[in-house]
Amino acid sequence: MLLLSLDKKVNLTCVETDLMASGTIVRILGNRVDVELDKGGIIVSLFMKRAGFYVGSQSGLEFVMKI
């Protein structure tokens, strides 16, 4: 299992569109990870559902991140 760290580059997948978006981890707080998307600078808050699997939503879209 990989560890999360600030400034780590990650990929989020949009559940509705199946598109990937790259971003950077800007905050880690317990089971929550905030990722700033590279395009647009939008911050998506993701919550750990199980080890290595995070889910969050922003602007009406749901995103997942697998580590």
Protein backbone atom coordinates (compact mmCIF):
# COMPACT_ATOMS: atom_id res chain seq x y z
CA MET A 1 0.00 0.00 0.00
CA LEU A 2 1.29 3.44 -0.89
CA LEU A 3 1.31 6.24 1.65
CA LEU A 4 -0.37 9.55 1.05
CA SER A 5 1.67 12.70 1.48
CA LEU A 6 1.23 16.40 0.83
CA ASP A 7 2.14 17.57 -2.68
CA LYS A 8 1.79 14.02 -4.06
CA LYS A 9 0.40 13.88 -7.60
CA VAL A 10 -2.71 11.68 -7.88
CA ASN A 11 -5.39 10.82 -10.42
CA LEU A 12 -9.12 11.04 -9.77
CA THR A 13 -11.71 9.29 -11.92
CA CYS A 14 -15.10 10.89 -12.50
CA VAL A 15 -17.77 8.23 -12.01
CA GLU A 16 -20.31 9.89 -14.34
CA THR A 17 -17.98 10.59 -17.29
CA ASP A 18 -15.27 7.95 -16.69
CA LEU A 19 -12.64 10.67 -17.35
CA MET A 20 -9.46 11.02 -15.33
CA ALA A 21 -8.33 14.27 -13.72
CA SER A 22 -4.87 14.81 -12.26
CA GLY A 23 -4.32 16.78 -9.10
CA THR A 24 -2.16 17.37 -6.05
CA ILE A 25 -2.86 16.46 -2.43
CA VAL A 26 -3.09 19.73 -0.48
CA ARG A 27 -4.55 18.54 2.85
CA ILE A 28 -4.77 15.30 4.83
CA LEU A 29 -7.11 15.27 7.83
CA GLY A 30 -7.89 11.88 9.35
CA ASN A 31 -9.87 9.90 6.74
CA ARG A 32 -10.27 12.95 4.49
CA VAL A 33 -7.90 13.98 1.70
CA ASP A 34 -8.27 17.27 -0.22
CA VAL A 35 -7.01 17.24 -3.80
CA GLU A 36 -6.55 20.39 -5.91
CA LEU A 37 -7.22 19.60 -9.55
CA ASP A 38 -4.51 20.72 -11.97
CA LYS A 39 -7.05 22.23 -14.36
CA GLY A 40 -9.19 24.88 -12.72
CA GLY A 41 -7.72 24.69 -9.23
CA ILE A 42 -10.92 23.17 -7.80
CA ILE A 43 -10.49 21.33 -4.50
CA VAL A 44 -12.21 17.96 -4.16
CA SER A 45 -12.59 16.51 -0.65
CA LEU A 46 -12.34 12.73 -0.69
CA PHE A 47 -13.21 10.39 2.17
CA MET A 48 -11.67 6.96 2.72
CA LYS A 49 -14.26 4.19 2.25
CA ARG A 50 -11.76 1.36 2.63
CA ALA A 51 -7.98 1.07 2.56
CA GLY A 52 -6.68 2.75 -0.60
CA PHE A 53 -10.14 3.78 -1.90
CA TYR A 54 -11.44 7.35 -1.56
CA VAL A 55 -14.75 8.89 -2.71
CA GLY A 56 -15.84 12.52 -2.95
CA SER A 57 -18.00 14.93 -4.93
CA GLN A 58 -17.71 18.40 -6.38
CA SER A 59 -19.93 20.42 -8.72
CA GLY A 60 -22.49 17.61 -8.91
CA LEU A 61 -19.94 15.00 -10.02
CA GLU A 62 -18.63 12.05 -8.00
CA PHE A 63 -14.92 11.24 -8.00
CA VAL A 64 -12.96 8.21 -6.85
CA MET A 65 -9.28 7.82 -6.09
CA LYS A 66 -7.53 4.46 -5.81
CA ILE A 67 -4.11 4.29 -4.19
